[in-house]
Protein backbone atom coordinates (compact mmCIF):
# COMPACT_ATOMS: atom_id res chain seq x y z
CA MET A 1 -258.11 -145.67 210.12
CA LEU A 2 -258.79 -142.49 208.40
CA TYR A 3 -256.04 -142.80 206.02
CA LEU A 4 -257.64 -145.97 204.64
CA LEU A 5 -260.76 -143.54 203.74
CA TYR A 6 -258.37 -141.28 202.00
CA ILE A 7 -256.88 -143.83 199.78
CA PHE A 8 -260.24 -145.20 198.90
CA VAL A 9 -261.73 -141.36 198.19
CA GLY A 10 -258.41 -140.92 195.99
CA LEU A 11 -259.04 -144.05 193.98
CA LEU A 12 -262.55 -143.21 193.29
CA ILE A 13 -261.12 -139.89 192.06
CA ILE A 14 -258.68 -141.37 189.86
CA PHE A 15 -261.23 -143.82 188.48
CA GLY A 16 -264.14 -141.06 187.79
CA VAL A 17 -261.49 -138.75 186.18
CA ASN A 18 -260.46 -141.54 183.84
CA LEU A 19 -263.96 -142.56 182.88
CA MET A 20 -264.84 -138.96 182.11
CA ILE A 21 -261.74 -138.18 180.04
CA THR A 22 -262.42 -141.79 178.45
CA GLY A 23 -266.01 -140.70 177.53
CA LEU A 24 -265.16 -137.16 176.34
CA LEU A 25 -262.37 -138.76 173.91
CA ALA A 26 -264.70 -141.21 172.61
CA VAL A 27 -267.33 -138.51 172.01
CA HIS A 28 -264.92 -136.70 170.52
CA ASP A 29 -263.84 -139.62 168.05
CA MET A 30 -267.44 -140.30 167.44
CA TYR A 31 -268.36 -136.93 166.31
CA THR A 32 -265.08 -136.18 164.45
CA ARG A 33 -265.60 -139.57 162.18
CA ARG A 34 -269.48 -138.86 161.99
CA ASP A 35 -269.31 -138.81 158.10
CA ASP A 36 -267.92 -142.37 158.09
CA GLU A 37 -270.28 -143.76 160.71
CA GLU A 38 -273.34 -142.76 162.29
CA PRO A 39 -273.13 -141.30 165.69
CA THR A 40 -275.03 -143.92 167.78
CA PHE A 41 -274.63 -145.50 171.34
CA ASP A 42 -272.73 -148.48 169.60
CA THR A 43 -270.50 -146.21 168.01
CA PHE A 44 -269.82 -144.63 171.21
CA LYS A 45 -269.07 -147.90 172.88
CA LYS A 46 -266.69 -148.77 170.31
CA TYR A 47 -264.49 -145.74 171.00
CA PHE A 48 -265.00 -145.87 174.76
CA ALA A 49 -263.44 -149.18 174.50
CA LYS A 50 -260.80 -148.25 172.08
CA ASN A 51 -259.75 -145.23 174.37
CA ASN A 52 -259.81 -146.64 177.70
CA ASN A 53 -256.58 -147.12 179.38
CA ILE A 54 -257.52 -148.62 182.61
CA PRO A 55 -259.24 -151.85 182.36
CA THR A 56 -262.20 -151.91 184.68
CA LYS A 57 -265.32 -154.11 184.86
CA MET A 58 -267.38 -151.00 183.43
CA SER A 59 -265.54 -150.82 180.23
CA ASP A 60 -265.40 -154.40 179.53
CA ILE A 61 -269.30 -154.13 179.43
CA PHE A 62 -268.61 -152.38 176.08
CA ASN A 63 -266.00 -154.98 174.67
């Protein structure tokens, strides 16, 4: 039964790291293109949805 907990914690770590890296890439894209677009939350949402490679409900909010 303990192995199910390990699998669950592992999946949480994978999704958490994925969302963190996606957020960092979105911030990077947002600030490298700040001359073309104003760095707002809408711009962050656009690049977050573009950079996400694991479709989750959390990232579907931004589409």
